Amino acid sequence: MRRALGLAEAAAAAGEVPVGAVIVDADGLVVAEAANAPIRLSDPTAHAEVLAIRAACEAAGNYRLPGHTLYVTLEPCTMCASAIAHARIARLVYGASDPKGGAVESGVRFFEQPTCHHRPDVVSGLEAERAGDQLRNFFRARRRS
């Protein structure tokens, strides 16, 4: 998660919402990482999770990532939760909750829906205070400017 927090800091420095994601394989080796980049890439789907999943799938040569763990600094949105399910990621670990846009334990609770075909093991709250501080500081600074 520390690595994901560093990626989130880099995203904030680039003017992106500070979210970072890291994917590790079953052996604990980092196979992909990404920071939020919708503004830089002019792509509304360029969330850290989606970019990391794309890179991990390419590295694996497979659109499925069984046995992999995704670490992300913020509770995934509905789009990202869907990508996690489609990629068959085994475990999701996230930091800060997102009552407005989250879709795991907030909002639509995507993995609890009967139409969801894969439910990863979920661990929430890892480094939540630090991840939350990054987000609050980012948005506080934007409101001032």
N, C-alpha and C. Protein backbone atom coordinates (compact mmCIF):
# COMPACT_ATOMS: atom_id res chain seq x y z
N MET A 1 0.84 -1.20 0.00
CA MET A 1 0.00 0.00 0.00
C MET A 1 0.88 1.26 0.00
N ARG A 2 2.05 1.17 0.63
CA ARG A 2 2.94 2.34 0.62
C ARG A 2 3.30 2.74 -0.81
N ARG A 3 3.50 1.75 -1.64
CA ARG A 3 3.82 2.04 -3.04
C ARG A 3 2.65 2.73 -3.74
N ALA A 4 1.44 2.28 -3.47
CA ALA A 4 0.24 2.90 -4.05
C ALA A 4 0.08 4.34 -3.55
N LEU A 5 0.40 4.58 -2.29
CA LEU A 5 0.32 5.94 -1.75
C LEU A 5 1.34 6.86 -2.43
N GLY A 6 2.51 6.33 -2.74
CA GLY A 6 3.50 7.11 -3.49
C GLY A 6 3.01 7.46 -4.88
N LEU A 7 2.34 6.53 -5.52
CA LEU A 7 1.77 6.78 -6.85
C LEU A 7 0.67 7.83 -6.76
N ALA A 8 -0.11 7.78 -5.68
CA ALA A 8 -1.16 8.78 -5.48
C ALA A 8 -0.55 10.17 -5.32
N GLU A 9 0.56 10.26 -4.60
CA GLU A 9 1.25 11.55 -4.45
C GLU A 9 1.70 12.09 -5.81
N ALA A 10 2.22 11.21 -6.65
CA ALA A 10 2.66 11.60 -7.99
C ALA A 10 1.47 12.08 -8.82
N ALA A 11 0.33 11.41 -8.68
CA ALA A 11 -0.87 11.83 -9.41
C ALA A 11 -1.27 13.24 -8.98
N ALA A 12 -1.27 13.50 -7.67
CA ALA A 12 -1.64 14.82 -7.16
C ALA A 12 -0.69 15.89 -7.70
N ALA A 13 0.59 15.58 -7.71
CA ALA A 13 1.59 16.53 -8.21
C ALA A 13 1.35 16.86 -9.69
N ALA A 14 0.75 15.93 -10.41
CA ALA A 14 0.44 16.13 -11.84
C ALA A 14 -0.94 16.74 -12.04
N GLY A 15 -1.65 17.06 -10.94
CA GLY A 15 -2.97 17.66 -11.04
C GLY A 15 -4.11 16.67 -11.16
N GLU A 16 -3.80 15.39 -10.98
CA GLU A 16 -4.83 14.34 -11.02
C GLU A 16 -5.31 14.05 -9.60
N VAL A 17 -6.51 13.53 -9.46
CA VAL A 17 -7.00 13.10 -8.15
C VAL A 17 -6.02 12.04 -7.63
N PRO A 18 -5.56 12.18 -6.39
CA PRO A 18 -4.52 11.29 -5.88
C PRO A 18 -5.01 9.87 -5.55
N VAL A 19 -4.94 9.03 -6.54
CA VAL A 19 -5.26 7.61 -6.36
C VAL A 19 -4.15 6.81 -7.03
N GLY A 20 -3.63 5.83 -6.31
CA GLY A 20 -2.61 4.94 -6.84
C GLY A 20 -3.03 3.51 -6.67
N ALA A 21 -2.57 2.64 -7.57
CA ALA A 21 -2.93 1.22 -7.54
C ALA A 21 -1.71 0.37 -7.87
N VAL A 22 -1.60 -0.75 -7.18
CA VAL A 22 -0.51 -1.70 -7.39
C VAL A 22 -1.12 -3.09 -7.42
N ILE A 23 -0.70 -3.92 -8.38
CA ILE A 23 -1.16 -5.30 -8.46
C ILE A 23 0.02 -6.22 -8.23
N VAL A 24 -0.17 -7.18 -7.33
CA VAL A 24 0.86 -8.19 -7.06
C VAL A 24 0.31 -9.56 -7.42
N ASP A 25 1.22 -10.45 -7.83
CA ASP A 25 0.79 -11.81 -8.18
C ASP A 25 0.72 -12.68 -6.93
N ALA A 26 0.44 -13.94 -7.12
CA ALA A 26 0.28 -14.87 -6.00
C ALA A 26 1.56 -15.01 -5.17
N ASP A 27 2.71 -14.70 -5.76
CA ASP A 27 3.98 -14.77 -5.05
C ASP A 27 4.34 -13.45 -4.38
N GLY A 28 3.48 -12.45 -4.50
CA GLY A 28 3.73 -11.16 -3.89
C GLY A 28 4.61 -10.24 -4.71
N LEU A 29 4.85 -10.60 -5.97
CA LEU A 29 5.67 -9.76 -6.84
C LEU A 29 4.81 -8.71 -7.54
N VAL A 30 5.28 -7.49 -7.57
CA VAL A 30 4.55 -6.42 -8.25
C VAL A 30 4.58 -6.69 -9.75
N VAL A 31 3.40 -6.75 -10.35
CA VAL A 31 3.31 -6.98 -11.80
C VAL A 31 2.82 -5.75 -12.55
N ALA A 32 2.20 -4.80 -11.83
CA ALA A 32 1.72 -3.58 -12.47
C ALA A 32 1.42 -2.53 -11.41
N GLU A 33 1.52 -1.29 -11.84
CA GLU A 33 1.16 -0.17 -10.96
C GLU A 33 0.74 1.00 -11.83
N ALA A 34 -0.08 1.86 -11.26
CA ALA A 34 -0.54 3.03 -12.02
C ALA A 34 -1.08 4.08 -11.07
N ALA A 35 -1.11 5.30 -11.57
CA ALA A 35 -1.73 6.42 -10.87
C ALA A 35 -2.87 6.93 -11.73
N ASN A 36 -3.82 7.60 -11.11
CA ASN A 36 -4.92 8.20 -11.86
C ASN A 36 -4.37 9.07 -12.99
N ALA A 37 -5.01 8.99 -14.16
CA ALA A 37 -4.54 9.79 -15.30
C ALA A 37 -5.64 10.20 -16.27
N PRO A 38 -6.89 10.38 -15.83
CA PRO A 38 -7.92 10.78 -16.79
C PRO A 38 -7.65 12.11 -17.48
N ILE A 39 -7.08 13.07 -16.76
CA ILE A 39 -6.81 14.38 -17.35
C ILE A 39 -5.66 14.26 -18.35
N ARG A 40 -4.56 13.66 -17.91
CA ARG A 40 -3.37 13.54 -18.76
C ARG A 40 -3.66 12.76 -20.03
N LEU A 41 -4.46 11.70 -19.91
CA LEU A 41 -4.75 10.84 -21.06
C LEU A 41 -6.03 11.23 -21.80
N SER A 42 -6.73 12.24 -21.31
CA SER A 42 -8.04 12.62 -21.89
C SER A 42 -8.93 11.40 -22.02
N ASP A 43 -9.01 10.65 -20.92
CA ASP A 43 -9.73 9.37 -20.92
C ASP A 43 -10.44 9.20 -19.59
N PRO A 44 -11.76 9.29 -19.57
CA PRO A 44 -12.49 9.16 -18.30
C PRO A 44 -12.35 7.78 -17.66
N THR A 45 -11.89 6.78 -18.41
CA THR A 45 -11.71 5.45 -17.83
C THR A 45 -10.30 5.24 -17.28
N ALA A 46 -9.45 6.25 -17.33
CA ALA A 46 -8.05 6.11 -16.92
C ALA A 46 -7.88 6.24 -15.40
N HIS A 47 -8.71 5.52 -14.67
CA HIS A 47 -8.55 5.43 -13.22
C HIS A 47 -7.35 4.54 -12.93
N ALA A 48 -6.73 4.74 -11.79
CA ALA A 48 -5.53 3.98 -11.43
C ALA A 48 -5.78 2.47 -11.51
N GLU A 49 -6.93 2.03 -11.01
CA GLU A 49 -7.22 0.60 -11.00
C GLU A 49 -7.29 0.03 -12.42
N VAL A 50 -7.99 0.74 -13.30
CA VAL A 50 -8.16 0.26 -14.67
C VAL A 50 -6.81 0.22 -15.38
N LEU A 51 -6.01 1.25 -15.22
CA LEU A 51 -4.70 1.28 -15.86
C LEU A 51 -3.80 0.16 -15.34
N ALA A 52 -3.85 -0.09 -14.04
CA ALA A 52 -3.04 -1.17 -13.46
C ALA A 52 -3.54 -2.53 -13.95
N ILE A 53 -4.84 -2.72 -14.02
CA ILE A 53 -5.40 -3.99 -14.51
C ILE A 53 -4.98 -4.22 -15.96
N ARG A 54 -5.07 -3.19 -16.78
CA ARG A 54 -4.66 -3.32 -18.19
C ARG A 54 -3.20 -3.76 -18.27
N ALA A 55 -2.34 -3.11 -17.50
CA ALA A 55 -0.91 -3.43 -17.54
C ALA A 55 -0.64 -4.84 -17.02
N ALA A 56 -1.33 -5.24 -15.96
CA ALA A 56 -1.13 -6.58 -15.40
C ALA A 56 -1.61 -7.66 -16.38
N CYS A 57 -2.73 -7.42 -17.03
CA CYS A 57 -3.24 -8.38 -18.01
C CYS A 57 -2.28 -8.50 -19.19
N GLU A 58 -1.75 -7.38 -19.63
CA GLU A 58 -0.79 -7.42 -20.73
C GLU A 58 0.46 -8.20 -20.31
N ALA A 59 0.94 -7.95 -19.11
CA ALA A 59 2.13 -8.66 -18.62
C ALA A 59 1.87 -10.15 -18.49
N ALA A 60 0.65 -10.51 -18.08
CA ALA A 60 0.30 -11.92 -17.89
C ALA A 60 -0.07 -12.60 -19.20
N GLY A 61 -0.39 -11.80 -20.22
CA GLY A 61 -0.86 -12.37 -21.48
C GLY A 61 -2.22 -13.02 -21.32
N ASN A 62 -3.02 -12.46 -20.41
CA ASN A 62 -4.32 -13.03 -20.11
C ASN A 62 -5.24 -11.91 -19.62
N TYR A 63 -6.51 -11.98 -19.93
CA TYR A 63 -7.44 -10.97 -19.45
C TYR A 63 -7.97 -11.29 -18.06
N ARG A 64 -7.51 -12.37 -17.50
CA ARG A 64 -7.90 -12.76 -16.14
C ARG A 64 -6.66 -12.77 -15.25
N LEU A 65 -6.85 -12.40 -13.98
CA LEU A 65 -5.74 -12.30 -13.04
C LEU A 65 -6.03 -13.09 -11.76
N PRO A 66 -6.31 -14.38 -11.87
CA PRO A 66 -6.58 -15.16 -10.66
C PRO A 66 -5.33 -15.20 -9.77
N GLY A 67 -5.53 -15.16 -8.48
CA GLY A 67 -4.42 -15.22 -7.55
C GLY A 67 -3.75 -13.87 -7.32
N HIS A 68 -4.20 -12.84 -8.00
CA HIS A 68 -3.60 -11.51 -7.87
C HIS A 68 -4.33 -10.67 -6.82
N THR A 69 -3.59 -9.73 -6.25
CA THR A 69 -4.15 -8.79 -5.29
C THR A 69 -3.97 -7.38 -5.83
N LEU A 70 -5.03 -6.59 -5.74
CA LEU A 70 -5.00 -5.19 -6.14
C LEU A 70 -5.02 -4.34 -4.87
N TYR A 71 -4.01 -3.50 -4.72
CA TYR A 71 -3.95 -2.51 -3.64
C TYR A 71 -4.27 -1.17 -4.26
N VAL A 72 -5.22 -0.45 -3.68
CA VAL A 72 -5.59 0.87 -4.21
C VAL A 72 -5.89 1.78 -3.03
N THR A 73 -5.56 3.05 -3.18
CA THR A 73 -5.66 3.98 -2.06
C THR A 73 -7.08 4.42 -1.74
N LEU A 74 -7.99 4.27 -2.69
CA LEU A 74 -9.38 4.72 -2.49
C LEU A 74 -10.35 3.61 -2.90
N GLU A 75 -11.44 3.52 -2.19
CA GLU A 75 -12.49 2.55 -2.52
C GLU A 75 -12.87 2.69 -4.00
N PRO A 76 -12.82 1.59 -4.75
CA PRO A 76 -13.13 1.66 -6.18
C PRO A 76 -14.56 2.09 -6.48
N CYS A 77 -14.71 2.79 -7.60
CA CYS A 77 -16.02 3.19 -8.11
C CYS A 77 -16.67 1.99 -8.81
N THR A 78 -17.85 2.18 -9.32
CA THR A 78 -18.57 1.10 -9.99
C THR A 78 -17.80 0.59 -11.22
N MET A 79 -17.25 1.50 -12.02
CA MET A 79 -16.50 1.08 -13.20
C MET A 79 -15.31 0.21 -12.81
N CYS A 80 -14.58 0.65 -11.80
CA CYS A 80 -13.39 -0.09 -11.38
C CYS A 80 -13.75 -1.41 -10.71
N ALA A 81 -14.82 -1.41 -9.93
CA ALA A 81 -15.27 -2.67 -9.31
C ALA A 81 -15.65 -3.68 -10.39
N SER A 82 -16.30 -3.21 -11.44
CA SER A 82 -16.65 -4.09 -12.55
C SER A 82 -15.39 -4.65 -13.22
N ALA A 83 -14.40 -3.80 -13.45
CA ALA A 83 -13.14 -4.27 -14.06
C ALA A 83 -12.46 -5.29 -13.16
N ILE A 84 -12.50 -5.07 -11.86
CA ILE A 84 -11.91 -6.02 -10.90
C ILE A 84 -12.61 -7.37 -11.01
N ALA A 85 -13.93 -7.35 -11.08
CA ALA A 85 -14.69 -8.59 -11.20
C ALA A 85 -14.40 -9.29 -12.53
N HIS A 86 -14.40 -8.54 -13.61
CA HIS A 86 -14.14 -9.13 -14.93
C HIS A 86 -12.74 -9.72 -15.03
N ALA A 87 -11.78 -9.10 -14.35
CA ALA A 87 -10.40 -9.60 -14.37
C ALA A 87 -10.21 -10.77 -13.41
N ARG A 88 -11.23 -11.05 -12.60
CA ARG A 88 -11.18 -12.15 -11.63
C ARG A 88 -10.05 -11.98 -10.62
N ILE A 89 -9.80 -10.74 -10.22
CA ILE A 89 -8.80 -10.47 -9.20
C ILE A 89 -9.24 -11.13 -7.91
N ALA A 90 -8.33 -11.83 -7.26
CA ALA A 90 -8.68 -12.62 -6.08
C ALA A 90 -8.93 -11.77 -4.84
N ARG A 91 -8.15 -10.69 -4.70
CA ARG A 91 -8.22 -9.93 -3.46
C ARG A 91 -8.09 -8.44 -3.76
N LEU A 92 -8.93 -7.66 -3.13
CA LEU A 92 -8.91 -6.20 -3.24
C LEU A 92 -8.60 -5.64 -1.86
N VAL A 93 -7.58 -4.80 -1.79
CA VAL A 93 -7.22 -4.11 -0.55
C VAL A 93 -7.25 -2.63 -0.85
N TYR A 94 -8.07 -1.88 -0.12
CA TYR A 94 -8.10 -0.44 -0.37
C TYR A 94 -7.99 0.34 0.93
N GLY A 95 -7.60 1.61 0.76
CA GLY A 95 -7.37 2.49 1.90
C GLY A 95 -8.62 3.22 2.33
N ALA A 96 -8.81 4.43 1.81
CA ALA A 96 -9.92 5.29 2.24
C ALA A 96 -11.25 4.86 1.62
N SER A 97 -12.29 4.97 2.42
CA SER A 97 -13.65 4.75 1.91
C SER A 97 -14.06 5.97 1.09
N ASP A 98 -15.01 5.75 0.18
CA ASP A 98 -15.51 6.84 -0.65
C ASP A 98 -17.04 6.82 -0.61
N PRO A 99 -17.63 7.48 0.39
CA PRO A 99 -19.08 7.45 0.52
C PRO A 99 -19.83 8.00 -0.68
N LYS A 100 -19.22 8.93 -1.44
CA LYS A 100 -19.88 9.53 -2.60
C LYS A 100 -19.75 8.68 -3.85
N GLY A 101 -18.56 8.18 -4.13
CA GLY A 101 -18.32 7.50 -5.40
C GLY A 101 -17.93 6.04 -5.30
N GLY A 102 -17.73 5.56 -4.09
CA GLY A 102 -17.32 4.17 -3.90
C GLY A 102 -18.44 3.20 -4.22
N ALA A 103 -18.05 1.97 -4.60
CA ALA A 103 -19.05 0.98 -4.98
C ALA A 103 -18.79 -0.38 -4.36
N VAL A 104 -17.94 -0.43 -3.34
CA VAL A 104 -17.63 -1.71 -2.70
C VAL A 104 -18.41 -1.83 -1.40
N GLU A 105 -18.12 -0.94 -0.45
CA GLU A 105 -18.87 -0.93 0.81
C GLU A 105 -19.78 0.29 0.88
N SER A 106 -19.69 1.15 -0.11
CA SER A 106 -20.55 2.33 -0.22
C SER A 106 -21.40 2.17 -1.48
N GLY A 107 -22.31 3.11 -1.68
CA GLY A 107 -23.06 3.16 -2.94
C GLY A 107 -23.74 1.86 -3.33
N VAL A 108 -23.47 1.41 -4.55
CA VAL A 108 -24.19 0.26 -5.11
C VAL A 108 -23.73 -1.09 -4.55
N ARG A 109 -22.63 -1.11 -3.83
CA ARG A 109 -22.09 -2.37 -3.28
C ARG A 109 -22.03 -3.43 -4.39
N PHE A 110 -21.25 -3.11 -5.39
CA PHE A 110 -21.20 -3.88 -6.63
C PHE A 110 -21.02 -5.38 -6.42
N PHE A 111 -20.10 -5.78 -5.56
CA PHE A 111 -19.80 -7.20 -5.40
C PHE A 111 -20.93 -7.98 -4.71
N GLU A 112 -21.87 -7.27 -4.12
CA GLU A 112 -23.01 -7.93 -3.47
C GLU A 112 -24.19 -8.13 -4.42
N GLN A 113 -24.10 -7.58 -5.63
CA GLN A 113 -25.21 -7.69 -6.58
C GLN A 113 -25.29 -9.09 -7.17
N PRO A 114 -26.50 -9.63 -7.35
CA PRO A 114 -26.63 -10.98 -7.90
C PRO A 114 -26.08 -11.12 -9.32
N THR A 115 -25.94 -10.01 -10.04
CA THR A 115 -25.42 -10.07 -11.40
C THR A 115 -23.89 -10.04 -11.44
N CYS A 116 -23.26 -9.87 -10.30
CA CYS A 116 -21.79 -9.86 -10.24
C CYS A 116 -21.30 -11.30 -10.29
N HIS A 117 -20.45 -11.60 -11.27
CA HIS A 117 -20.01 -12.98 -11.49
C HIS A 117 -18.78 -13.39 -10.69
N HIS A 118 -18.09 -12.43 -10.10
CA HIS A 118 -16.90 -12.73 -9.31
C HIS A 118 -16.80 -11.73 -8.16
N ARG A 119 -16.57 -12.24 -6.98
CA ARG A 119 -16.44 -11.39 -5.80
C ARG A 119 -15.06 -11.62 -5.18
N PRO A 120 -14.20 -10.62 -5.23
CA PRO A 120 -12.89 -10.79 -4.60
C PRO A 120 -13.01 -10.72 -3.08
N ASP A 121 -12.02 -11.25 -2.40
CA ASP A 121 -11.93 -11.00 -0.96
C ASP A 121 -11.59 -9.52 -0.82
N VAL A 122 -12.23 -8.85 0.12
CA VAL A 122 -12.03 -7.40 0.26
C VAL A 122 -11.50 -7.09 1.65
N VAL A 123 -10.45 -6.28 1.68
CA VAL A 123 -9.91 -5.74 2.92
C VAL A 123 -9.95 -4.24 2.76
N SER A 124 -10.61 -3.55 3.68
CA SER A 124 -10.70 -2.10 3.58
C SER A 124 -10.00 -1.44 4.76
N GLY A 125 -9.61 -0.19 4.55
CA GLY A 125 -9.07 0.60 5.65
C GLY A 125 -7.57 0.56 5.83
N LEU A 126 -6.83 -0.13 4.96
CA LEU A 126 -5.37 -0.18 5.09
C LEU A 126 -4.79 1.18 4.73
N GLU A 127 -4.11 1.82 5.67
CA GLU A 127 -3.56 3.18 5.48
C GLU A 127 -4.66 4.19 5.13
N ALA A 128 -5.86 3.95 5.66
CA ALA A 128 -7.01 4.81 5.32
C ALA A 128 -6.79 6.26 5.72
N GLU A 129 -6.17 6.49 6.86
CA GLU A 129 -5.97 7.87 7.31
C GLU A 129 -5.04 8.62 6.35
N ARG A 130 -3.94 7.99 5.99
CA ARG A 130 -2.99 8.64 5.09
C ARG A 130 -3.62 8.87 3.70
N ALA A 131 -4.32 7.86 3.19
CA ALA A 131 -4.97 8.00 1.88
C ALA A 131 -6.04 9.08 1.93
N GLY A 132 -6.80 9.11 2.99
CA GLY A 132 -7.83 10.14 3.15
C GLY A 132 -7.23 11.53 3.25
N ASP A 133 -6.12 11.65 3.98
CA ASP A 133 -5.43 12.95 4.09
C ASP A 133 -4.97 13.44 2.72
N GLN A 134 -4.42 12.52 1.91
CA GLN A 134 -3.98 12.91 0.57
C GLN A 134 -5.14 13.52 -0.22
N LEU A 135 -6.28 12.87 -0.18
CA LEU A 135 -7.45 13.34 -0.92
C LEU A 135 -7.96 14.66 -0.36
N ARG A 136 -8.10 14.75 0.96
CA ARG A 136 -8.59 16.00 1.56
C ARG A 136 -7.66 17.17 1.24
N ASN A 137 -6.36 16.95 1.36
CA ASN A 137 -5.39 18.02 1.08
C ASN A 137 -5.45 18.44 -0.39
N PHE A 138 -5.59 17.47 -1.27
CA PHE A 138 -5.68 17.77 -2.70
C PHE A 138 -6.89 18.65 -3.00
N PHE A 139 -8.05 18.25 -2.52
CA PHE A 139 -9.26 19.01 -2.82
C PHE A 139 -9.31 20.35 -2.07
N ARG A 140 -8.75 20.39 -0.87
CA ARG A 140 -8.66 21.65 -0.14
C ARG A 140 -7.83 22.67 -0.95
N ALA A 141 -6.70 22.22 -1.47
CA ALA A 141 -5.83 23.10 -2.26
C ALA A 141 -6.52 23.55 -3.54
N ARG A 142 -7.30 22.67 -4.16
CA ARG A 142 -8.00 23.05 -5.40
C ARG A 142 -9.08 24.09 -5.14
N ARG A 143 -9.75 23.97 -3.98
CA ARG A 143 -10.80 24.94 -3.66
C ARG A 143 -10.21 26.33 -3.41
N ARG A 144 -8.98 26.38 -2.91
CA ARG A 144 -8.32 27.66 -2.64
C ARG A 144 -7.87 28.35 -3.91
N SER A 145 -7.60 27.59 -4.95
CA SER A 145 -7.07 28.22 -6.17
C SER A 145 -8.14 28.61 -7.15
